[in-house]
Every structure is written in C-alpha cells, then in structure tokens.
C-alpha cells in the first residue's frame, strides 16, 4: 500500500520506503511504506508477531533493515554509519528496557544526561524538569527498586526524553500497568504532544490508542495493511449508534425514524427500567450514519412529534471492534 498522504503544508517526521527486515530468511517486516506527519501521535497496532517491535527498532537505529529506506525529518538513515545527527532526534523506549535498580532516581537520570553530554547547570535543570513532568520529583532520592511499576515506567520515559528528542518511539509503554498508571502515562504523552513532539506508540491496549492518537497503523504478518488518520478510520469502518430512551411516544418515534436522514436501522426494547444505567420506559437503539446536524434534527423532530425523551446520546464504535473488522477484511 502507499504511505498515508500528507497535506502540502505538512512535513513528514518519518518516511519509509520498501522497508524490509528478514531473520534467517524469515520475513519480520515486509515492504513497509510509512509516513508520519510532524507533531502526530501515531498508534501502531497489531497482534503479537505482526512486526511492530521490529519496525520500531529499525526506526530507532537499533536494527538495520535488510532493504529499504528510512528518512527522519528529511535525513536518510545510512546503513553501517553512526547516524549521530539523526540519533539526536530520537527517544526510544523499548518494552523491556532494564533499570539500574540500585541507583536512586536522580543519579539514574544524571547518568544518562551525562551520556548525552549535557553540562551543568543545564543538566541539573533538565533533570528537575523531566522529574516534574513525570511526577517523580518527590522520589528523586528514592532507590529505583522501591518504586512501583508505574513509577518505573515513568522514570524510563524521563530517561528517554532527557536529551529533548523531537521523535519519541514507544514500544508497548503501558503494558502491564494498572488503570491509574496508564492514565498518568497518557497525561504525560499529551503534554509532550502539546510541546510539538512527534510520537509513535505501539500498544495492545487499543482504548489507549483511541484516546491518544491522531493516526493509526495496522500491521499483519509483517505488512502495514492500514495507515490513516483516526478520524478517517472511524468514518470508513466505525458504526455509530444513537441510544434513545422514551417515557412514551413509541409510534411517533418510529414515524420519525422512517423519514430521518442517516438512520440505517433500529431496534426497540421495552421495560428497560430494571437494567443497570438505563431509564424506565422504552429503549431504542438506532444504527446511524448521519452528520451531527442530522442527529440534532432527529432529537428536535422527536420532541416536536410528542415523544417524551428521557435520554438521547450517540456512541462511536470502539477501536477494538474496528480492529477486528480490519482483521476480517484481510482474511476475506
């Protein structure tokens, strides 16, 4: 497939052309053409073994391609070269990066800041800055082995951004974290995006990608089978549903639905008052493809027709369901 198209005013942070990686004649990544716009949060999803980690490792210069080209902010990665200038752009967080458990938090970050040749007083200021960002200032003198899993992951992220990269590559960063830790991590990613950083993040927790990402890539068996904006994916494959709860007016409701633009189908269920989170009376679930204006007009028409509406809300099909649809499309 061709790379996701970028608008003329949008610059590319990442471009790959025919990117391929084989291990002992076994293809891990095959002929991937990828474009990621500057400032995007690009979510990479796919099952285990799909090639996500290998692709990220090639972008991070941790793995050399068998063939193909990689361009980061217009600069080409040269096989066999040190690519030092390009590496300055990068912050890479693998899914299994070890921590030095016997160090305290400050010394750990100071060690990596020195590796990136940060000098005082700027080095000290940068460490304080990233500790504040990842909400670990109070743990600056704590030994790493005393931190929770979520704190350790935030510390790993602090280490990844200590040198102020402009491209962040995160491989399964929320794997194994509890809901609160995942939310804290997502909040940090939003701050980094707001600061202008381009972020590629892979995850099996698809709800996290839906909340964070502006674009999505789907990998299957080493191939990039989908690469598009999240909005386009929802428009093409996502099914929207309107839930309507009535106290009375079922006949008027059905008359309105028959003539309403965007209404594909509907189902009516009675006596829902004993169900959790439901209103008493009648519940109608409407499969809807119309615009937000069509939805507003439907509600207005129901009220004008005399329907006593107690609840009316739209629901977008979740990313996990869309991902399963994509899988079925590839099989068929």
Protein backbone atom coordinates (compact mmCIF):
# COMPACT_ATOMS: atom_id res chain seq x y z
CA UNK A 1 0.00 0.00 0.00
CA UNK A 2 1.10 3.59 -0.44
CA UNK A 3 2.06 5.77 2.53
CA UNK A 4 -0.60 7.83 4.22
CA UNK A 5 -0.84 11.05 2.24
CA UNK A 6 0.36 14.24 3.85
CA UNK A 7 -1.09 17.63 3.00
CA UNK A 8 1.23 20.07 1.18
CA UNK A 9 1.69 22.18 4.33
CA UNK A 10 2.50 19.14 6.49
CA UNK A 11 6.08 17.95 6.86
CA UNK A 12 6.95 14.31 7.43
CA UNK A 13 8.74 13.27 10.59
CA UNK A 14 9.06 9.65 9.41
CA UNK A 15 9.07 8.20 5.91
CA UNK A 16 9.94 4.63 5.00
CA UNK A 17 10.13 3.17 1.51
CA UNK A 18 10.05 -0.57 0.91
CA UNK A 19 11.32 -1.20 4.43
CA UNK A 20 12.03 -4.90 4.91
CA UNK A 21 13.68 -7.00 7.61
CA UNK A 22 14.40 -10.71 7.41
CA UNK A 23 15.84 -13.01 10.06
CA UNK A 24 17.29 -16.24 8.62
CA UNK A 25 15.07 -15.86 5.55
CA UNK A 26 12.04 -15.34 7.77
CA UNK A 27 10.31 -12.05 6.99
CA UNK A 28 9.61 -9.94 10.09
CA UNK A 29 8.76 -6.73 8.22
CA UNK A 30 7.92 -6.70 4.53
CA UNK A 31 7.94 -3.76 2.14
CA UNK A 32 6.55 -1.17 4.55
CA UNK A 33 5.84 2.31 3.18
CA UNK A 34 5.03 4.59 6.08
CA UNK A 35 4.51 8.35 6.51
CA UNK A 36 4.08 10.08 9.86
CA UNK A 37 3.49 13.81 9.96
CA UNK A 38 5.40 16.10 12.30
CA UNK A 39 3.54 16.57 15.55
CA UNK A 40 1.38 13.47 15.09
CA UNK A 41 0.74 10.80 17.68
CA UNK A 42 0.80 7.66 15.55
CA UNK A 43 -0.58 4.46 17.04
CA UNK A 44 0.81 1.17 15.76
CA UNK A 45 -1.40 -1.82 16.47
CA UNK A 46 -1.43 -5.47 15.52
CA UNK A 47 -1.21 -8.91 17.13
CA UNK A 48 1.95 -10.37 18.66
CA UNK A 49 4.39 -11.28 15.91
CA UNK A 50 2.98 -8.74 13.46
CA UNK A 51 6.31 -6.91 13.19
CA UNK A 52 5.61 -3.83 15.32
CA UNK A 53 8.69 -4.13 17.52
CA UNK A 54 10.99 -4.86 14.57
CA UNK A 55 9.67 -1.83 12.70
CA UNK A 56 10.18 0.43 15.72
CA UNK A 57 13.69 -0.95 16.29
CA UNK A 58 14.63 -0.10 12.71
CA UNK A 59 13.30 3.43 13.12
CA UNK A 60 15.28 3.71 16.35
CA UNK A 61 18.51 2.59 14.56
CA UNK A 62 18.67 -0.45 16.87
CA UNK A 63 18.15 -2.80 13.91
CA UNK A 64 19.42 -2.42 10.35
CA UNK A 65 16.94 -3.08 7.53
CA UNK A 66 17.54 -5.90 5.10
CA UNK A 67 16.49 -3.43 2.43
CA UNK A 68 14.52 -0.22 2.07
CA UNK A 69 14.97 3.39 3.13
CA UNK A 70 14.23 5.35 6.31
CA UNK A 71 14.03 9.15 6.42
CA UNK A 72 13.64 11.03 9.69
CA UNK A 73 12.80 14.72 9.28
CA UNK A 74 14.18 14.51 5.75
CA UNK A 75 17.53 12.91 6.69
CA UNK A 76 18.22 9.41 5.39
CA UNK A 77 19.45 6.73 7.76
CA UNK A 78 22.61 5.28 6.21
CA UNK A 79 23.25 1.57 6.77
CA UNK A 80 26.52 0.90 8.58
CA UNK A 81 27.03 4.56 9.53
CA UNK A 82 26.84 6.04 13.03
CA UNK A 83 23.98 8.39 12.04
CA UNK A 84 24.83 10.53 15.07
CA UNK A 85 22.98 13.60 13.86
CA UNK A 86 19.79 11.64 13.29
CA UNK A 87 20.06 9.81 16.61
CA UNK A 88 19.88 13.16 18.38
CA UNK A 89 16.28 13.40 17.13
CA UNK A 90 15.30 10.11 18.77
CA UNK A 91 13.96 8.99 22.09
CA UNK A 92 13.39 5.22 22.16
CA UNK A 93 11.61 3.31 24.93
CA UNK A 94 11.67 -0.47 24.33
CA UNK A 95 9.14 -2.68 26.04
CA UNK A 96 11.80 -4.43 28.15
CA UNK A 97 14.40 -1.76 28.91
CA UNK A 98 16.22 -2.63 32.18
CA UNK A 99 16.56 -0.17 35.04
CA UNK A 100 19.57 0.10 37.35
CA UNK A 101 17.68 -0.88 40.48
CA UNK A 102 20.44 0.04 42.96
CA UNK A 103 20.64 3.67 41.83
CA UNK A 104 18.38 6.38 43.10
CA UNK A 105 16.14 8.26 40.69
CA UNK A 106 18.29 11.38 40.43
CA UNK A 107 21.56 9.52 39.87
CA UNK A 108 19.94 7.34 37.20
CA UNK A 109 18.81 10.35 35.19
CA UNK A 110 22.09 12.16 35.81
CA UNK A 111 23.98 9.17 34.40
CA UNK A 112 22.03 9.26 31.14
CA UNK A 113 22.17 13.03 30.93
CA UNK A 114 25.97 12.78 31.08
CA UNK A 115 25.92 10.15 28.32
CA UNK A 116 24.13 12.72 26.16
CA UNK A 117 26.84 15.28 27.09
CA UNK A 118 24.51 17.59 28.99
CA UNK A 119 26.57 20.07 31.04
CA UNK A 120 25.74 21.80 34.31
CA UNK A 121 23.85 23.93 35.18
CA UNK A 122 21.69 22.91 32.21
CA UNK A 123 21.92 19.21 33.12
CA UNK A 124 20.61 19.78 36.64
CA UNK A 125 17.79 21.97 35.35
CA UNK A 126 16.81 19.37 32.73
CA UNK A 127 16.67 16.56 35.30
CA UNK A 128 14.46 18.68 37.54
CA UNK A 129 12.26 19.47 34.53
CA UNK A 130 11.68 15.87 33.49
CA UNK A 131 11.12 14.74 37.08
CA UNK A 132 8.37 17.32 37.37
CA UNK A 133 6.88 16.23 34.05
CA UNK A 134 6.71 12.54 35.04
CA UNK A 135 5.55 13.40 38.57
CA UNK A 136 8.54 11.88 40.35
CA UNK A 137 10.05 14.96 41.98
CA UNK A 138 9.22 13.63 45.44
CA UNK A 139 11.05 10.38 44.57
CA UNK A 140 14.29 11.99 43.41
CA UNK A 141 16.31 10.40 46.24
CA UNK A 142 14.45 7.07 46.27
CA UNK A 143 16.14 3.89 45.12
CA UNK A 144 14.65 2.57 41.91
CA UNK A 145 13.93 -0.85 43.41
CA UNK A 146 11.49 0.84 45.81
CA UNK A 147 9.32 2.30 43.04
CA UNK A 148 6.04 0.89 41.80
CA UNK A 149 5.79 -0.49 38.26
CA UNK A 150 4.03 2.65 37.08
CA UNK A 151 6.71 4.89 38.61
CA UNK A 152 9.44 2.83 36.99
CA UNK A 153 7.78 3.20 33.61
CA UNK A 154 7.50 6.97 34.08
CA UNK A 155 11.17 7.05 35.08
CA UNK A 156 12.03 5.13 31.90
CA UNK A 157 10.14 7.75 29.92
CA UNK A 158 12.06 10.52 31.72
CA UNK A 159 15.31 8.82 30.72
CA UNK A 160 14.04 8.59 27.13
CA UNK A 161 13.36 12.33 26.84
CA UNK A 162 16.26 13.64 28.94
CA UNK A 163 18.08 14.91 25.80
CA UNK A 164 14.94 16.63 24.41
CA UNK A 165 14.33 14.45 21.34
CA UNK A 166 11.79 15.51 18.74
CA UNK A 167 10.70 11.96 17.79
CA UNK A 168 9.59 9.57 20.52
CA UNK A 169 9.34 5.83 19.78
CA UNK A 170 7.41 3.92 22.47
CA UNK A 171 7.05 0.14 22.25
CA UNK A 172 4.16 -1.13 24.43
CA UNK A 173 4.75 1.53 27.11
CA UNK A 174 1.55 0.83 29.08
CA UNK A 175 1.78 -2.96 29.02
CA UNK A 176 1.15 -4.39 32.47
CA UNK A 177 0.22 -1.07 34.08
CA UNK A 178 -2.90 -0.64 36.17
CA UNK A 179 -5.63 1.81 35.00
CA UNK A 180 -4.35 4.70 37.15
CA UNK A 181 -0.76 4.24 35.95
CA UNK A 182 -1.95 4.10 32.31
CA UNK A 183 -3.88 7.33 32.80
CA UNK A 184 -0.84 9.06 34.29
CA UNK A 185 1.28 7.89 31.36
CA UNK A 186 -1.32 9.12 28.85
CA UNK A 187 -1.38 12.53 30.52
CA UNK A 188 2.39 12.83 30.10
CA UNK A 189 2.16 11.87 26.42
CA UNK A 190 -0.41 14.63 25.88
CA UNK A 191 1.96 17.18 27.39
CA UNK A 192 4.77 16.02 25.10
CA UNK A 193 2.50 16.21 22.06
CA UNK A 194 1.41 19.71 23.04
CA UNK A 195 5.10 20.66 23.16
CA UNK A 196 5.41 19.64 19.49
CA UNK A 197 6.95 16.20 19.80
CA UNK A 198 6.14 13.53 17.20
CA UNK A 199 5.25 10.25 18.89
CA UNK A 200 4.93 6.70 17.60
CA UNK A 201 3.37 4.37 20.16
CA UNK A 202 2.53 0.69 19.88
CA UNK A 203 0.05 -0.88 22.25
CA UNK A 204 -2.29 -3.82 22.74
CA UNK A 205 -4.48 -1.57 24.90
CA UNK A 206 -6.49 -0.17 22.00
CA UNK A 207 -8.51 2.19 24.18
CA UNK A 208 -5.25 3.99 24.99
CA UNK A 209 -4.52 4.46 21.28
CA UNK A 210 -8.03 5.77 20.66
CA UNK A 211 -7.59 8.39 23.38
CA UNK A 212 -4.10 9.48 22.34
CA UNK A 213 -3.61 9.07 18.62
CA UNK A 214 -4.23 11.29 15.61
CA UNK A 215 -3.33 8.50 13.17
CA UNK A 216 -3.23 4.71 13.20
CA UNK A 217 -1.21 2.00 11.50
CA UNK A 218 -2.21 -1.67 11.50
CA UNK A 219 0.34 -4.43 10.97
CA UNK A 220 -0.41 -8.03 10.00
CA UNK A 221 2.25 -10.66 9.31
CA UNK A 222 4.94 -8.02 8.84
CA UNK A 223 2.92 -5.85 6.45
CA UNK A 224 1.41 -2.45 7.08
CA UNK A 225 -2.15 -3.17 5.96
CA UNK A 226 -3.67 0.15 7.04
CA UNK A 227 -2.27 3.62 7.68
CA UNK A 228 -4.63 6.53 8.03
CA UNK A 229 -5.94 9.19 10.34
CA UNK A 230 -8.06 8.00 13.23
CA UNK A 231 -10.93 10.18 12.01
CA UNK A 232 -10.86 8.52 8.58
CA UNK A 233 -10.80 5.06 10.14
CA UNK A 234 -13.87 5.84 12.23
CA UNK A 235 -15.67 7.35 9.22
CA UNK A 236 -14.99 4.35 6.98
CA UNK A 237 -15.37 1.45 9.36
CA UNK A 238 -16.83 2.71 12.62
CA UNK A 239 -20.52 2.24 13.24
CA UNK A 240 -22.32 4.87 15.29
CA UNK A 241 -25.31 4.13 17.45
CA UNK A 242 -27.85 6.50 18.97
CA UNK A 243 -29.49 5.31 22.17
CA UNK A 244 -32.91 6.83 22.80
CA UNK A 245 -34.87 6.26 26.00
CA UNK A 246 -38.59 7.17 25.93
CA UNK A 247 -41.18 7.55 28.63
CA UNK A 248 -43.87 7.48 25.94
CA UNK A 249 -44.35 8.02 22.20
CA UNK A 250 -43.15 4.81 20.54
CA UNK A 251 -45.35 5.17 17.44
CA UNK A 252 -44.23 8.76 16.89
CA UNK A 253 -40.63 7.62 17.34
CA UNK A 254 -40.91 5.02 14.58
CA UNK A 255 -42.59 7.51 12.23
CA UNK A 256 -39.70 9.93 12.75
CA UNK A 257 -37.05 7.25 12.20
CA UNK A 258 -38.59 6.16 8.88
CA UNK A 259 -38.02 9.62 7.39
CA UNK A 260 -34.82 10.69 9.10
CA UNK A 261 -31.54 11.04 7.08
CA UNK A 262 -28.75 8.85 8.39
CA UNK A 263 -30.96 6.25 10.07
CA UNK A 264 -29.87 2.82 8.79
CA UNK A 265 -31.82 0.56 11.14
CA UNK A 266 -33.21 0.44 14.66
CA UNK A 267 -34.29 -1.93 17.39
CA UNK A 268 -36.80 -1.25 20.16
CA UNK A 269 -36.70 -2.87 23.58
CA UNK A 270 -39.35 -2.38 26.23
CA UNK A 271 -39.32 -2.21 30.05
CA UNK A 272 -35.67 -1.31 30.45
CA UNK A 273 -36.07 0.38 33.81
CA UNK A 274 -34.75 -2.62 35.71
CA UNK A 275 -31.49 -2.70 33.73
CA UNK A 276 -28.28 -1.04 35.06
CA UNK A 277 -27.70 2.53 33.80
CA UNK A 278 -30.98 2.58 31.88
CA UNK A 279 -34.05 4.75 32.16
CA UNK A 280 -37.53 3.38 32.74
CA UNK A 281 -39.73 3.01 29.67
CA UNK A 282 -38.66 2.19 26.11
CA UNK A 283 -35.13 1.96 24.75
CA UNK A 284 -34.45 2.34 21.01
CA UNK A 285 -31.02 1.60 19.56
CA UNK A 286 -30.50 3.33 16.19
CA UNK A 287 -27.70 2.49 13.74
CA UNK A 288 -26.81 5.94 12.45
CA UNK A 289 -24.59 7.20 9.61
CA UNK A 290 -25.72 10.81 9.53
CA UNK A 291 -23.93 14.01 10.47
CA UNK A 292 -24.02 15.72 13.88
CA UNK A 293 -26.59 18.09 12.37
CA UNK A 294 -28.76 15.11 11.35
CA UNK A 295 -28.53 13.81 14.91
CA UNK A 296 -29.62 17.16 16.33
CA UNK A 297 -32.51 17.31 13.85
CA UNK A 298 -33.64 13.82 14.88
CA UNK A 299 -33.84 14.85 18.53
CA UNK A 300 -35.74 18.01 17.62
CA UNK A 301 -38.18 16.06 15.45
CA UNK A 302 -38.82 13.54 18.20
CA UNK A 303 -39.70 16.27 20.65
CA UNK A 304 -41.93 18.08 18.13
CA UNK A 305 -43.71 14.76 17.43
CA UNK A 306 -44.61 14.43 21.09
CA UNK A 307 -42.07 11.83 22.18
CA UNK A 308 -41.12 12.13 25.84
CA UNK A 309 -37.37 11.59 25.55
CA UNK A 310 -35.54 10.93 28.83
CA UNK A 311 -32.13 10.12 27.33
CA UNK A 312 -30.55 10.67 23.90
CA UNK A 313 -26.86 10.02 23.26
CA UNK A 314 -24.56 8.96 20.42
CA UNK A 315 -21.92 6.25 20.73
CA UNK A 316 -18.99 5.66 18.39
CA UNK A 317 -17.93 2.05 17.85
CA UNK A 318 -14.72 1.44 19.77
CA UNK A 319 -11.32 0.95 18.18
CA UNK A 320 -11.14 -2.70 19.22
CA UNK A 321 -14.25 -3.53 17.19
CA UNK A 322 -12.86 -1.66 14.18
CA UNK A 323 -9.56 -3.53 14.54
CA UNK A 324 -11.44 -6.85 14.42
CA UNK A 325 -13.25 -5.68 11.27
CA UNK A 326 -9.92 -4.92 9.64
CA UNK A 327 -8.73 -8.41 10.53
CA UNK A 328 -11.79 -9.97 8.91
CA UNK A 329 -11.25 -7.85 5.78
CA UNK A 330 -7.67 -9.10 5.45
CA UNK A 331 -8.81 -12.74 5.79
CA UNK A 332 -11.53 -12.32 3.19
